[in-house]
């Protein structure tokens, strides 16, 4: 991969993550009502993106950027409302969103490695 391609992939991953953050935090606030949790997941995504950028893992970077939005929509899709023992309302969207994003982040490194192995075999 050339340096120009690597920079383009990094930029795309950061734009995906940033765009996902602004869409979820501001555009879709009425769906979740959370102010701080989107920021926390965004910062985690930035840290993971920085690690993958240093390690030069392009597929993992793109999965990290896109995974923010994917995991949010999984949370919205599978969320459920409940009531805690004190009678307060609960919702598990934030748990599903967090777990889905963690799974995507954890799987992105092996997916990237498998892609590179497949690419090397194909080149032979």
PDB file of N, CA and C in Angstrom:
ATOM      1  N   UNK A   1       0.846  -1.168   0.000  1.00  0.00           N
ATOM      2  CA  UNK A   1       0.000   0.000   0.000  1.00  0.00           C
ATOM      3  C   UNK A   1       0.895   1.237   0.000  1.00  0.00           C
ATOM      4  N   UNK A   2       0.554   2.152  -0.865  1.00  0.00           N
ATOM      5  CA  UNK A   2       1.337   3.376  -0.942  1.00  0.00           C
ATOM      6  C   UNK A   2       0.986   4.313   0.213  1.00  0.00           C
ATOM      7  N   UNK A   3       1.862   5.271   0.407  1.00  0.00           N
ATOM      8  CA  UNK A   3       1.640   6.243   1.480  1.00  0.00           C
ATOM      9  C   UNK A   3       0.363   7.051   1.226  1.00  0.00           C
ATOM     10  N   UNK A   4       0.122   7.375  -0.042  1.00  0.00           N
ATOM     11  CA  UNK A   4      -1.081   8.139  -0.386  1.00  0.00           C
ATOM     12  C   UNK A   4      -2.345   7.335  -0.072  1.00  0.00           C
ATOM     13  N   UNK A   5      -2.344   6.047  -0.389  1.00  0.00           N
ATOM     14  CA  UNK A   5      -3.494   5.196  -0.077  1.00  0.00           C
ATOM     15  C   UNK A   5      -3.708   5.103   1.432  1.00  0.00           C
ATOM     16  N   UNK A   6      -2.615   4.968   2.177  1.00  0.00           N
ATOM     17  CA  UNK A   6      -2.709   4.865   3.627  1.00  0.00           C
ATOM     18  C   UNK A   6      -3.306   6.139   4.232  1.00  0.00           C
ATOM     19  N   UNK A   7      -2.874   7.280   3.756  1.00  0.00           N
ATOM     20  CA  UNK A   7      -3.394   8.560   4.244  1.00  0.00           C
ATOM     21  C   UNK A   7      -4.878   8.687   3.902  1.00  0.00           C
ATOM     22  N   UNK A   8      -5.263   8.260   2.702  1.00  0.00           N
ATOM     23  CA  UNK A   8      -6.662   8.326   2.286  1.00  0.00           C
ATOM     24  C   UNK A   8      -7.531   7.423   3.162  1.00  0.00           C
ATOM     25  N   UNK A   9      -7.049   6.237   3.477  1.00  0.00           N
ATOM     26  CA  UNK A   9      -7.793   5.320   4.335  1.00  0.00           C
ATOM     27  C   UNK A   9      -7.909   5.894   5.745  1.00  0.00           C
ATOM     28  N   UNK A  10      -6.818   6.443   6.273  1.00  0.00           N
ATOM     29  CA  UNK A  10      -6.866   7.048   7.606  1.00  0.00           C
ATOM     30  C   UNK A  10      -7.865   8.198   7.638  1.00  0.00           C
ATOM     31  N   UNK A  11      -7.817   9.048   6.650  1.00  0.00           N
ATOM     32  CA  UNK A  11      -8.739  10.180   6.582  1.00  0.00           C
ATOM     33  C   UNK A  11     -10.184   9.694   6.505  1.00  0.00           C
ATOM     34  N   UNK A  12     -10.423   8.681   5.690  1.00  0.00           N
ATOM     35  CA  UNK A  12     -11.776   8.119   5.571  1.00  0.00           C
ATOM     36  C   UNK A  12     -12.256   7.554   6.905  1.00  0.00           C
ATOM     37  N   UNK A  13     -11.382   6.847   7.606  1.00  0.00           N
ATOM     38  CA  UNK A  13     -11.756   6.251   8.891  1.00  0.00           C
ATOM     39  C   UNK A  13     -12.079   7.332   9.912  1.00  0.00           C
ATOM     40  N   UNK A  14     -11.268   8.379   9.977  1.00  0.00           N
ATOM     41  CA  UNK A  14     -11.534   9.473  10.914  1.00  0.00           C
ATOM     42  C   UNK A  14     -12.816  10.218  10.550  1.00  0.00           C
ATOM     43  N   UNK A  15     -13.070  10.400   9.257  1.00  0.00           N
ATOM     44  CA  UNK A  15     -14.312  11.060   8.833  1.00  0.00           C
ATOM     45  C   UNK A  15     -15.535  10.201   9.147  1.00  0.00           C
ATOM     46  N   UNK A  16     -15.423   8.881   8.954  1.00  0.00           N
ATOM     47  CA  UNK A  16     -16.520   7.981   9.312  1.00  0.00           C
ATOM     48  C   UNK A  16     -16.828   8.067  10.802  1.00  0.00           C
ATOM     49  N   UNK A  17     -15.781   8.014  11.613  1.00  0.00           N
ATOM     50  CA  UNK A  17     -15.972   8.071  13.056  1.00  0.00           C
ATOM     51  C   UNK A  17     -16.534   9.425  13.488  1.00  0.00           C
ATOM     52  N   UNK A  18     -15.948  10.494  12.986  1.00  0.00           N
ATOM     53  CA  UNK A  18     -16.424  11.838  13.345  1.00  0.00           C
ATOM     54  C   UNK A  18     -17.841  12.092  12.860  1.00  0.00           C
ATOM     55  N   UNK A  19     -18.129  11.696  11.638  1.00  0.00           N
ATOM     56  CA  UNK A  19     -19.481  11.860  11.117  1.00  0.00           C
ATOM     57  C   UNK A  19     -20.490  11.039  11.908  1.00  0.00           C
ATOM     58  N   UNK A  20     -20.097   9.816  12.268  1.00  0.00           N
ATOM     59  CA  UNK A  20     -20.971   8.972  13.083  1.00  0.00           C
ATOM     60  C   UNK A  20     -21.228   9.582  14.442  1.00  0.00           C
ATOM     61  N   UNK A  21     -20.171  10.153  15.034  1.00  0.00           N
ATOM     62  CA  UNK A  21     -20.333  10.800  16.339  1.00  0.00           C
ATOM     63  C   UNK A  21     -21.326  11.961  16.255  1.00  0.00           C
ATOM     64  N   UNK A  22     -21.116  12.862  15.292  1.00  0.00           N
ATOM     65  CA  UNK A  22     -21.999  14.029  15.197  1.00  0.00           C
ATOM     66  C   UNK A  22     -23.427  13.627  14.848  1.00  0.00           C
ATOM     67  N   UNK A  23     -23.590  12.613  14.013  1.00  0.00           N
ATOM     68  CA  UNK A  23     -24.934  12.154  13.691  1.00  0.00           C
ATOM     69  C   UNK A  23     -25.623  11.573  14.918  1.00  0.00           C
ATOM     70  N   UNK A  24     -24.910  10.705  15.648  1.00  0.00           N
ATOM     71  CA  UNK A  24     -25.512  10.068  16.830  1.00  0.00           C
ATOM     72  C   UNK A  24     -25.707  11.058  17.968  1.00  0.00           C
ATOM     73  N   UNK A  25     -24.712  11.885  18.216  1.00  0.00           N
ATOM     74  CA  UNK A  25     -24.765  12.783  19.369  1.00  0.00           C
ATOM     75  C   UNK A  25     -25.770  13.913  19.180  1.00  0.00           C
ATOM     76  N   UNK A  26     -25.799  14.488  17.989  1.00  0.00           N
ATOM     77  CA  UNK A  26     -26.652  15.652  17.779  1.00  0.00           C
ATOM     78  C   UNK A  26     -27.877  15.347  16.920  1.00  0.00           C
ATOM     79  N   UNK A  27     -27.699  14.654  15.827  1.00  0.00           N
ATOM     80  CA  UNK A  27     -28.799  14.412  14.908  1.00  0.00           C
ATOM     81  C   UNK A  27     -29.819  13.411  15.421  1.00  0.00           C
ATOM     82  N   UNK A  28     -29.349  12.404  16.147  1.00  0.00           N
ATOM     83  CA  UNK A  28     -30.245  11.346  16.619  1.00  0.00           C
ATOM     84  C   UNK A  28     -30.411  11.356  18.136  1.00  0.00           C
ATOM     85  N   UNK A  29     -30.191  12.494  18.749  1.00  0.00           N
ATOM     86  CA  UNK A  29     -30.302  12.618  20.208  1.00  0.00           C
ATOM     87  C   UNK A  29     -31.681  12.206  20.714  1.00  0.00           C
ATOM     88  N   UNK A  30     -32.694  12.462  19.930  1.00  0.00           N
ATOM     89  CA  UNK A  30     -34.048  12.118  20.373  1.00  0.00           C
ATOM     90  C   UNK A  30     -34.251  10.601  20.481  1.00  0.00           C
ATOM     91  N   UNK A  31     -33.414   9.819  19.807  1.00  0.00           N
ATOM     92  CA  UNK A  31     -33.529   8.356  19.891  1.00  0.00           C
ATOM     93  C   UNK A  31     -32.944   7.788  21.177  1.00  0.00           C
ATOM     94  N   UNK A  32     -31.936   8.475  21.727  1.00  0.00           N
ATOM     95  CA  UNK A  32     -31.245   7.897  22.892  1.00  0.00           C
ATOM     96  C   UNK A  32     -31.175   8.821  24.095  1.00  0.00           C
ATOM     97  N   UNK A  33     -31.186  10.108  23.919  1.00  0.00           N
ATOM     98  CA  UNK A  33     -31.188  11.059  25.028  1.00  0.00           C
ATOM     99  C   UNK A  33     -29.895  11.130  25.825  1.00  0.00           C
ATOM    100  N   UNK A  34     -28.819  10.555  25.327  1.00  0.00           N
ATOM    101  CA  UNK A  34     -27.542  10.544  26.059  1.00  0.00           C
ATOM    102  C   UNK A  34     -26.644  11.666  25.538  1.00  0.00           C
ATOM    103  N   UNK A  35     -25.995  12.363  26.452  1.00  0.00           N
ATOM    104  CA  UNK A  35     -25.090  13.430  26.060  1.00  0.00           C
ATOM    105  C   UNK A  35     -23.629  12.989  26.177  1.00  0.00           C
ATOM    106  N   UNK A  36     -23.285  12.271  27.224  1.00  0.00           N
ATOM    107  CA  UNK A  36     -21.887  11.950  27.479  1.00  0.00           C
ATOM    108  C   UNK A  36     -21.460  10.613  26.875  1.00  0.00           C
ATOM    109  N   UNK A  37     -22.333   9.627  26.825  1.00  0.00           N
ATOM    110  CA  UNK A  37     -21.926   8.303  26.370  1.00  0.00           C
ATOM    111  C   UNK A  37     -21.454   8.268  24.919  1.00  0.00           C
ATOM    112  N   UNK A  38     -22.094   8.995  23.990  1.00  0.00           N
ATOM    113  CA  UNK A  38     -21.556   9.038  22.629  1.00  0.00           C
ATOM    114  C   UNK A  38     -20.123   9.586  22.584  1.00  0.00           C
ATOM    115  N   UNK A  39     -19.832  10.555  23.440  1.00  0.00           N
ATOM    116  CA  UNK A  39     -18.487  11.130  23.492  1.00  0.00           C
ATOM    117  C   UNK A  39     -17.481  10.102  23.993  1.00  0.00           C
ATOM    118  N   UNK A  40     -17.840   9.348  25.012  1.00  0.00           N
ATOM    119  CA  UNK A  40     -16.935   8.334  25.562  1.00  0.00           C
ATOM    120  C   UNK A  40     -16.605   7.291  24.496  1.00  0.00           C
ATOM    121  N   UNK A  41     -17.622   6.807  23.786  1.00  0.00           N
ATOM    122  CA  UNK A  41     -17.371   5.820  22.732  1.00  0.00           C
ATOM    123  C   UNK A  41     -16.563   6.429  21.587  1.00  0.00           C
ATOM    124  N   UNK A  42     -16.778   7.703  21.301  1.00  0.00           N
ATOM    125  CA  UNK A  42     -16.011   8.396  20.270  1.00  0.00           C
ATOM    126  C   UNK A  42     -14.535   8.464  20.644  1.00  0.00           C
ATOM    127  N   UNK A  43     -14.243   8.806  21.888  1.00  0.00           N
ATOM    128  CA  UNK A  43     -12.844   8.888  22.338  1.00  0.00           C
ATOM    129  C   UNK A  43     -12.181   7.510  22.284  1.00  0.00           C
ATOM    130  N   UNK A  44     -12.903   6.481  22.693  1.00  0.00           N
ATOM    131  CA  UNK A  44     -12.366   5.111  22.582  1.00  0.00           C
ATOM    132  C   UNK A  44     -12.059   4.802  21.119  1.00  0.00           C
ATOM    133  N   UNK A  45     -12.966   5.148  20.231  1.00  0.00           N
ATOM    134  CA  UNK A  45     -12.744   4.938  18.807  1.00  0.00           C
ATOM    135  C   UNK A  45     -11.528   5.686  18.294  1.00  0.00           C
ATOM    136  N   UNK A  46     -11.338   6.924  18.749  1.00  0.00           N
ATOM    137  CA  UNK A  46     -10.157   7.694  18.341  1.00  0.00           C
ATOM    138  C   UNK A  46      -8.867   7.026  18.795  1.00  0.00           C
ATOM    139  N   UNK A  47      -8.859   6.540  20.031  1.00  0.00           N
ATOM    140  CA  UNK A  47      -7.660   5.871  20.542  1.00  0.00           C
ATOM    141  C   UNK A  47      -7.357   4.602  19.754  1.00  0.00           C
ATOM    142  N   UNK A  48      -8.378   3.821  19.471  1.00  0.00           N
ATOM    143  CA  UNK A  48      -8.183   2.597  18.701  1.00  0.00           C
ATOM    144  C   UNK A  48      -7.745   2.926  17.274  1.00  0.00           C
ATOM    145  N   UNK A  49      -8.323   3.945  16.687  1.00  0.00           N
ATOM    146  CA  UNK A  49      -7.904   4.374  15.348  1.00  0.00           C
ATOM    147  C   UNK A  49      -6.441   4.781  15.324  1.00  0.00           C
ATOM    148  N   UNK A  50      -5.999   5.485  16.338  1.00  0.00           N
ATOM    149  CA  UNK A  50      -4.597   5.896  16.409  1.00  0.00           C
ATOM    150  C   UNK A  50      -3.677   4.673  16.487  1.00  0.00           C
ATOM    151  N   UNK A  51      -4.081   3.673  17.263  1.00  0.00           N
ATOM    152  CA  UNK A  51      -3.278   2.449  17.369  1.00  0.00           C
ATOM    153  C   UNK A  51      -3.209   1.737  16.022  1.00  0.00           C
ATOM    154  N   UNK A  52      -4.361   1.601  15.367  1.00  0.00           N
ATOM    155  CA  UNK A  52      -4.383   0.931  14.069  1.00  0.00           C
ATOM    156  C   UNK A  52      -3.628   1.730  13.007  1.00  0.00           C
ATOM    157  N   UNK A  53      -3.618   3.047  13.118  1.00  0.00           N
ATOM    158  CA  UNK A  53      -2.875   3.874  12.167  1.00  0.00           C
ATOM    159  C   UNK A  53      -1.377   3.644  12.326  1.00  0.00           C
ATOM    160  N   UNK A  54      -0.918   3.555  13.567  1.00  0.00           N
ATOM    161  CA  UNK A  54       0.498   3.296  13.816  1.00  0.00           C
ATOM    162  C   UNK A  54       0.885   1.909  13.318  1.00  0.00           C
ATOM    163  N   UNK A  55      -0.009   0.944  13.510  1.00  0.00           N
ATOM    164  CA  UNK A  55       0.242  -0.442  13.075  1.00  0.00           C
ATOM    165  C   UNK A  55      -0.019  -0.643  11.586  1.00  0.00           C
ATOM    166  N   UNK A  56      -0.530   0.385  10.915  1.00  0.00           N
ATOM    167  CA  UNK A  56      -0.834   0.323   9.478  1.00  0.00           C
ATOM    168  C   UNK A  56      -1.790  -0.825   9.161  1.00  0.00           C
ATOM    169  N   UNK A  57      -2.957  -0.779   9.777  1.00  0.00           N
ATOM    170  CA  UNK A  57      -4.012  -1.773   9.578  1.00  0.00           C
ATOM    171  C   UNK A  57      -5.212  -1.081   8.925  1.00  0.00           C
ATOM    172  N   UNK A  58      -5.248  -1.002   7.599  1.00  0.00           N
ATOM    173  CA  UNK A  58      -6.283  -0.199   6.927  1.00  0.00           C
ATOM    174  C   UNK A  58      -7.706  -0.739   7.099  1.00  0.00           C
ATOM    175  N   UNK A  59      -7.890  -2.035   7.004  1.00  0.00           N
ATOM    176  CA  UNK A  59      -9.232  -2.599   7.136  1.00  0.00           C
ATOM    177  C   UNK A  59      -9.739  -2.377   8.559  1.00  0.00           C
ATOM    178  N   UNK A  60      -8.866  -2.551   9.538  1.00  0.00           N
ATOM    179  CA  UNK A  60      -9.241  -2.341  10.937  1.00  0.00           C
ATOM    180  C   UNK A  60      -9.623  -0.873  11.180  1.00  0.00           C
ATOM    181  N   UNK A  61      -8.919   0.045  10.530  1.00  0.00           N
ATOM    182  CA  UNK A  61      -9.262   1.461  10.695  1.00  0.00           C
ATOM    183  C   UNK A  61     -10.651   1.756  10.139  1.00  0.00           C
ATOM    184  N   UNK A  62     -10.939   1.236   8.959  1.00  0.00           N
ATOM    185  CA  UNK A  62     -12.251   1.475   8.366  1.00  0.00           C
ATOM    186  C   UNK A  62     -13.364   0.832   9.189  1.00  0.00           C
ATOM    187  N   UNK A  63     -13.117  -0.372   9.708  1.00  0.00           N
ATOM    188  CA  UNK A  63     -14.118  -1.031  10.556  1.00  0.00           C
ATOM    189  C   UNK A  63     -14.341  -0.255  11.850  1.00  0.00           C
ATOM    190  N   UNK A  64     -13.291   0.324  12.390  1.00  0.00           N
ATOM    191  CA  UNK A  64     -13.425   1.120  13.609  1.00  0.00           C
ATOM    192  C   UNK A  64     -14.268   2.365  13.348  1.00  0.00           C
ATOM    193  N   UNK A  65     -14.004   3.038  12.234  1.00  0.00           N
ATOM    194  CA  UNK A  65     -14.783   4.229  11.905  1.00  0.00           C
ATOM    195  C   UNK A  65     -16.241   3.919  11.628  1.00  0.00           C
ATOM    196  N   UNK A  66     -16.496   2.902  10.819  1.00  0.00           N
ATOM    197  CA  UNK A  66     -17.865   2.533  10.474  1.00  0.00           C
ATOM    198  C   UNK A  66     -18.571   1.828  11.632  1.00  0.00           C
ATOM    199  N   UNK A  67     -17.802   1.159  12.480  1.00  0.00           N
ATOM    200  CA  UNK A  67     -18.376   0.399  13.580  1.00  0.00           C
ATOM    201  C   UNK A  67     -19.138   1.246  14.572  1.00  0.00           C
ATOM    202  N   UNK A  68     -18.773   2.511  14.703  1.00  0.00           N
ATOM    203  CA  UNK A  68     -19.483   3.412  15.622  1.00  0.00           C
ATOM    204  C   UNK A  68     -20.951   3.510  15.232  1.00  0.00           C
ATOM    205  N   UNK A  69     -21.206   3.792  13.959  1.00  0.00           N
ATOM    206  CA  UNK A  69     -22.589   3.910  13.491  1.00  0.00           C
ATOM    207  C   UNK A  69     -23.292   2.557  13.440  1.00  0.00           C
ATOM    208  N   UNK A  70     -22.587   1.532  12.992  1.00  0.00           N
ATOM    209  CA  UNK A  70     -23.177   0.193  12.915  1.00  0.00           C
ATOM    210  C   UNK A  70     -23.642  -0.253  14.295  1.00  0.00           C
ATOM    211  N   UNK A  71     -22.769  -0.076  15.284  1.00  0.00           N
ATOM    212  CA  UNK A  71     -23.128  -0.510  16.637  1.00  0.00           C
ATOM    213  C   UNK A  71     -24.271   0.331  17.210  1.00  0.00           C
ATOM    214  N   UNK A  72     -24.317   1.620  16.878  1.00  0.00           N
ATOM    215  CA  UNK A  72     -25.426   2.450  17.341  1.00  0.00           C
ATOM    216  C   UNK A  72     -26.751   1.928  16.789  1.00  0.00           C
ATOM    217  N   UNK A  73     -26.782   1.642  15.493  1.00  0.00           N
ATOM    218  CA  UNK A  73     -28.031   1.170  14.905  1.00  0.00           C
ATOM    219  C   UNK A  73     -28.399  -0.224  15.399  1.00  0.00           C
ATOM    220  N   UNK A  74     -27.414  -1.052  15.747  1.00  0.00           N
ATOM    221  CA  UNK A  74     -27.728  -2.334  16.389  1.00  0.00           C
ATOM    222  C   UNK A  74     -28.378  -2.091  17.755  1.00  0.00           C
ATOM    223  N   UNK A  75     -27.857  -1.109  18.478  1.00  0.00           N
ATOM    224  CA  UNK A  75     -28.444  -0.752  19.771  1.00  0.00           C
ATOM    225  C   UNK A  75     -29.876  -0.269  19.642  1.00  0.00           C
ATOM    226  N   UNK A  76     -30.121   0.581  18.649  1.00  0.00           N
ATOM    227  CA  UNK A  76     -31.477   1.086  18.424  1.00  0.00           C
ATOM    228  C   UNK A  76     -32.399  -0.064  18.026  1.00  0.00           C
ATOM    229  N   UNK A  77     -31.903  -0.960  17.197  1.00  0.00           N
ATOM    230  CA  UNK A  77     -32.717  -2.074  16.708  1.00  0.00           C
ATOM    231  C   UNK A  77     -33.109  -3.045  17.821  1.00  0.00           C
ATOM    232  N   UNK A  78     -32.177  -3.337  18.725  1.00  0.00           N
ATOM    233  CA  UNK A  78     -32.416  -4.369  19.736  1.00  0.00           C
ATOM    234  C   UNK A  78     -32.696  -3.830  21.146  1.00  0.00           C
ATOM    235  N   UNK A  79     -32.833  -2.535  21.293  1.00  0.00           N
ATOM    236  CA  UNK A  79     -33.073  -1.955  22.619  1.00  0.00           C
ATOM    237  C   UNK A  79     -34.413  -2.388  23.192  1.00  0.00           C
ATOM    238  N   UNK A  80     -34.490  -2.331  24.498  1.00  0.00           N
ATOM    239  CA  UNK A  80     -35.773  -2.591  25.154  1.00  0.00           C
ATOM    240  C   UNK A  80     -35.884  -1.693  26.381  1.00  0.00           C
ATOM    241  N   UNK A  81     -37.093  -1.308  26.682  1.00  0.00           N
ATOM    242  CA  UNK A  81     -37.374  -0.490  27.857  1.00  0.00           C
ATOM    243  C   UNK A  81     -37.748  -1.402  29.015  1.00  0.00           C
ATOM    244  N   UNK A  82     -37.460  -0.927  30.218  1.00  0.00           N
ATOM    245  CA  UNK A  82     -37.815  -1.699  31.405  1.00  0.00           C
ATOM    246  C   UNK A  82     -38.036  -0.784  32.585  1.00  0.00           C
ATOM    247  N   UNK A  83     -38.208  -1.404  33.731  1.00  0.00           N
ATOM    248  CA  UNK A  83     -38.409  -0.663  34.978  1.00  0.00           C
ATOM    249  C   UNK A  83     -37.469  -1.252  36.014  1.00  0.00           C
ATOM    250  N   UNK A  84     -36.741  -0.383  36.725  1.00  0.00           N
ATOM    251  CA  UNK A  84     -35.839  -0.880  37.769  1.00  0.00           C
ATOM    252  C   UNK A  84     -36.635  -1.141  39.055  1.00  0.00           C
ATOM    253  N   UNK A  85     -36.006  -1.775  40.063  1.00  0.00           N
ATOM    254  CA  UNK A  85     -36.731  -2.107  41.297  1.00  0.00           C
ATOM    255  C   UNK A  85     -37.330  -0.893  42.017  1.00  0.00           C
ATOM    256  N   UNK A  86     -36.759   0.281  41.797  1.00  0.00           N
ATOM    257  CA  UNK A  86     -37.293   1.488  42.436  1.00  0.00           C
ATOM    258  C   UNK A  86     -38.419   2.131  41.656  1.00  0.00           C
ATOM    259  N   UNK A  87     -38.740   1.570  40.479  1.00  0.00           N
ATOM    260  CA  UNK A  87     -39.827   2.106  39.676  1.00  0.00           C
ATOM    261  C   UNK A  87     -39.382   3.059  38.580  1.00  0.00           C
ATOM    262  N   UNK A  88     -38.071   3.266  38.432  1.00  0.00           N
ATOM    263  CA  UNK A  88     -37.572   4.159  37.392  1.00  0.00           C
ATOM    264  C   UNK A  88     -37.485   3.463  36.041  1.00  0.00           C
ATOM    265  N   UNK A  89     -37.560   4.254  34.988  1.00  0.00           N
ATOM    266  CA  UNK A  89     -37.453   3.715  33.628  1.00  0.00           C
ATOM    267  C   UNK A  89     -36.007   3.365  33.303  1.00  0.00           C
ATOM    268  N   UNK A  90     -35.824   2.270  32.592  1.00  0.00           N
ATOM    269  CA  UNK A  90     -34.492   1.878  32.124  1.00  0.00           C
ATOM    270  C   UNK A  90     -34.555   1.575  30.632  1.00  0.00           C
ATOM    271  N   UNK A  91     -33.400   1.619  29.998  1.00  0.00           N
ATOM    272  CA  UNK A  91     -33.274   1.264  28.591  1.00  0.00           C
ATOM    273  C   UNK A  91     -31.884   0.697  28.400  1.00  0.00           C
ATOM    274  N   UNK A  92     -31.761  -0.352  27.598  1.00  0.00           N
ATOM    275  CA  UNK A  92     -30.474  -1.009  27.430  1.00  0.00           C
ATOM    276  C   UNK A  92     -29.769  -0.648  26.124  1.00  0.00           C
ATOM    277  N   UNK A  93     -30.176   0.409  25.454  1.00  0.00           N
ATOM    278  CA  UNK A  93     -29.528   0.811  24.203  1.00  0.00           C
ATOM    279  C   UNK A  93     -28.036   1.041  24.415  1.00  0.00           C
ATOM    280  N   UNK A  94     -27.666   1.728  25.472  1.00  0.00           N
ATOM    281  CA  UNK A  94     -26.261   2.053  25.691  1.00  0.00           C
ATOM    282  C   UNK A  94     -25.424   0.790  25.905  1.00  0.00           C
ATOM    283  N   UNK A  95     -25.994  -0.218  26.524  1.00  0.00           N
ATOM    284  CA  UNK A  95     -25.260  -1.470  26.746  1.00  0.00           C
ATOM    285  C   UNK A  95     -25.052  -2.191  25.419  1.00  0.00           C
ATOM    286  N   UNK A  96     -26.100  -2.290  24.622  1.00  0.00           N
ATOM    287  CA  UNK A  96     -25.990  -2.967  23.326  1.00  0.00           C
ATOM    288  C   UNK A  96     -25.028  -2.211  22.426  1.00  0.00           C
ATOM    289  N   UNK A  97     -25.118  -0.890  22.416  1.00  0.00           N
ATOM    290  CA  UNK A  97     -24.231  -0.055  21.606  1.00  0.00           C
ATOM    291  C   UNK A  97     -22.772  -0.290  22.005  1.00  0.00           C
ATOM    292  N   UNK A  98     -22.500  -0.285  23.293  1.00  0.00           N
ATOM    293  CA  UNK A  98     -21.139  -0.459  23.787  1.00  0.00           C
ATOM    294  C   UNK A  98     -20.594  -1.849  23.484  1.00  0.00           C
ATOM    295  N   UNK A  99     -21.379  -2.874  23.762  1.00  0.00           N
ATOM    296  CA  UNK A  99     -20.927  -4.251  23.517  1.00  0.00           C
ATOM    297  C   UNK A  99     -20.718  -4.489  22.022  1.00  0.00           C
ATOM    298  N   UNK A 100     -21.635  -4.008  21.194  1.00  0.00           N
ATOM    299  CA  UNK A 100     -21.494  -4.183  19.746  1.00  0.00           C
ATOM    300  C   UNK A 100     -20.238  -3.468  19.241  1.00  0.00           C
ATOM    301  N   UNK A 101     -19.970  -2.279  19.732  1.00  0.00           N
ATOM    302  CA  UNK A 101     -18.777  -1.546  19.305  1.00  0.00           C
ATOM    303  C   UNK A 101     -17.513  -2.250  19.788  1.00  0.00           C
ATOM    304  N   UNK A 102     -17.529  -2.754  21.003  1.00  0.00           N
ATOM    305  CA  UNK A 102     -16.372  -3.498  21.525  1.00  0.00           C
ATOM    306  C   UNK A 102     -16.108  -4.745  20.687  1.00  0.00           C
ATOM    307  N   UNK A 103     -17.155  -5.444  20.311  1.00  0.00           N
ATOM    308  CA  UNK A 103     -16.993  -6.644  19.477  1.00  0.00           C
ATOM    309  C   UNK A 103     -16.409  -6.264  18.113  1.00  0.00           C
ATOM    310  N   UNK A 104     -16.921  -5.199  17.517  1.00  0.00           N
ATOM    311  CA  UNK A 104     -16.391  -4.748  16.227  1.00  0.00           C
ATOM    312  C   UNK A 104     -14.922  -4.372  16.366  1.00  0.00           C
ATOM    313  N   UNK A 105     -14.563  -3.658  17.423  1.00  0.00           N
ATOM    314  CA  UNK A 105     -13.168  -3.267  17.624  1.00  0.00           C
ATOM    315  C   UNK A 105     -12.274  -4.481  17.835  1.00  0.00           C
ATOM    316  N   UNK A 106     -12.742  -5.437  18.607  1.00  0.00           N
ATOM    317  CA  UNK A 106     -11.939  -6.638  18.866  1.00  0.00           C
ATOM    318  C   UNK A 106     -11.790  -7.513  17.629  1.00  0.00           C
ATOM    319  N   UNK A 107     -12.807  -7.547  16.785  1.00  0.00           N
ATOM    320  CA  UNK A 107     -12.745  -8.382  15.587  1.00  0.00           C
ATOM    321  C   UNK A 107     -12.049  -7.696  14.409  1.00  0.00           C
ATOM    322  N   UNK A 108     -11.872  -6.396  14.485  1.00  0.00           N
ATOM    323  CA  UNK A 108     -11.294  -5.680  13.348  1.00  0.00           C
ATOM    324  C   UNK A 108      -9.836  -6.056  13.099  1.00  0.00           C
ATOM    325  N   UNK A 109      -9.074  -6.326  14.141  1.00  0.00           N
ATOM    326  CA  UNK A 109      -7.668  -6.704  13.947  1.00  0.00           C
ATOM    327  C   UNK A 109      -7.545  -8.057  13.260  1.00  0.00           C
ATOM    328  N   UNK A 110      -8.234  -9.117  13.727  1.00  0.00           N
ATOM    329  CA  UNK A 110      -8.139 -10.394  13.011  1.00  0.00           C
ATOM    330  C   UNK A 110      -8.725 -10.335  11.594  1.00  0.00           C
ATOM    331  N   UNK A 111      -9.755  -9.532  11.369  1.00  0.00           N
ATOM    332  CA  UNK A 111     -10.307  -9.393  10.026  1.00  0.00           C
ATOM    333  C   UNK A 111      -9.264  -8.763   9.111  1.00  0.00           C
ATOM    334  N   UNK A 112      -8.564  -7.762   9.604  1.00  0.00           N
ATOM    335  CA  UNK A 112      -7.514  -7.123   8.826  1.00  0.00           C
ATOM    336  C   UNK A 112      -6.398  -8.116   8.508  1.00  0.00           C
ATOM    337  N   UNK A 113      -5.998  -8.904   9.500  1.00  0.00           N
ATOM    338  CA  UNK A 113      -4.944  -9.902   9.281  1.00  0.00           C
ATOM    339  C   UNK A 113      -5.378 -10.945   8.259  1.00  0.00           C
ATOM    340  N   UNK A 114      -6.618 -11.405   8.346  1.00  0.00           N
ATOM    341  CA  UNK A 114      -7.129 -12.389   7.389  1.00  0.00           C
ATOM    342  C   UNK A 114      -7.190 -11.798   5.985  1.00  0.00           C
ATOM    343  N   UNK A 115      -7.559 -10.539   5.880  1.00  0.00           N
ATOM    344  CA  UNK A 115      -7.603  -9.883   4.577  1.00  0.00           C
ATOM    345  C   UNK A 115      -6.210  -9.841   3.950  1.00  0.00           C
ATOM    346  N   UNK A 116      -5.218  -9.510   4.746  1.00  0.00           N
ATOM    347  CA  UNK A 116      -3.859  -9.440   4.208  1.00  0.00           C
ATOM    348  C   UNK A 116      -3.337 -10.818   3.813  1.00  0.00           C
ATOM    349  N   UNK A 117      -3.685 -11.844   4.567  1.00  0.00           N
ATOM    350  CA  UNK A 117      -3.296 -13.203   4.179  1.00  0.00           C
ATOM    351  C   UNK A 117      -3.961 -13.594   2.872  1.00  0.00           C
ATOM    352  N   UNK A 118      -5.244 -13.297   2.739  1.00  0.00           N
ATOM    353  CA  UNK A 118      -5.959 -13.603   1.509  1.00  0.00           C
ATOM    354  C   UNK A 118      -5.355 -12.841   0.329  1.00  0.00           C
ATOM    355  N   UNK A 119      -4.994 -11.589   0.555  1.00  0.00           N
ATOM    356  CA  UNK A 119      -4.413 -10.764  -0.501  1.00  0.00           C
ATOM    357  C   UNK A 119      -3.059 -11.317  -0.940  1.00  0.00           C
ATOM    358  N   UNK A 120      -2.245 -11.786   0.016  1.00  0.00           N
ATOM    359  CA  UNK A 120      -0.949 -12.368  -0.325  1.00  0.00           C
ATOM    360  C   UNK A 120      -1.100 -13.664  -1.107  1.00  0.00           C
ATOM    361  N   UNK A 121      -2.042 -14.518  -0.712  1.00  0.00           N
ATOM    362  CA  UNK A 121      -2.278 -15.768  -1.435  1.00  0.00           C
ATOM    363  C   UNK A 121      -2.769 -15.495  -2.847  1.00  0.00           C
ATOM    364  N   UNK A 122      -3.605 -14.498  -2.979  1.00  0.00           N
ATOM    365  CA  UNK A 122      -4.155 -14.152  -4.287  1.00  0.00           C
ATOM    366  C   UNK A 122      -3.083 -13.590  -5.213  1.00  0.00           C
ATOM    367  N   UNK A 123      -2.092 -12.909  -4.642  1.00  0.00           N
ATOM    368  CA  UNK A 123      -1.032 -12.300  -5.432  1.00  0.00           C
ATOM    369  C   UNK A 123      -0.065 -13.360  -5.993  1.00  0.00           C
ATOM    370  N   UNK A 124      -0.017 -14.516  -5.361  1.00  0.00           N
ATOM    371  CA  UNK A 124       0.923 -15.557  -5.813  1.00  0.00           C
ATOM    372  C   UNK A 124       0.454 -16.266  -7.022  1.00  0.00           C
TER     373      UNK A 124
END
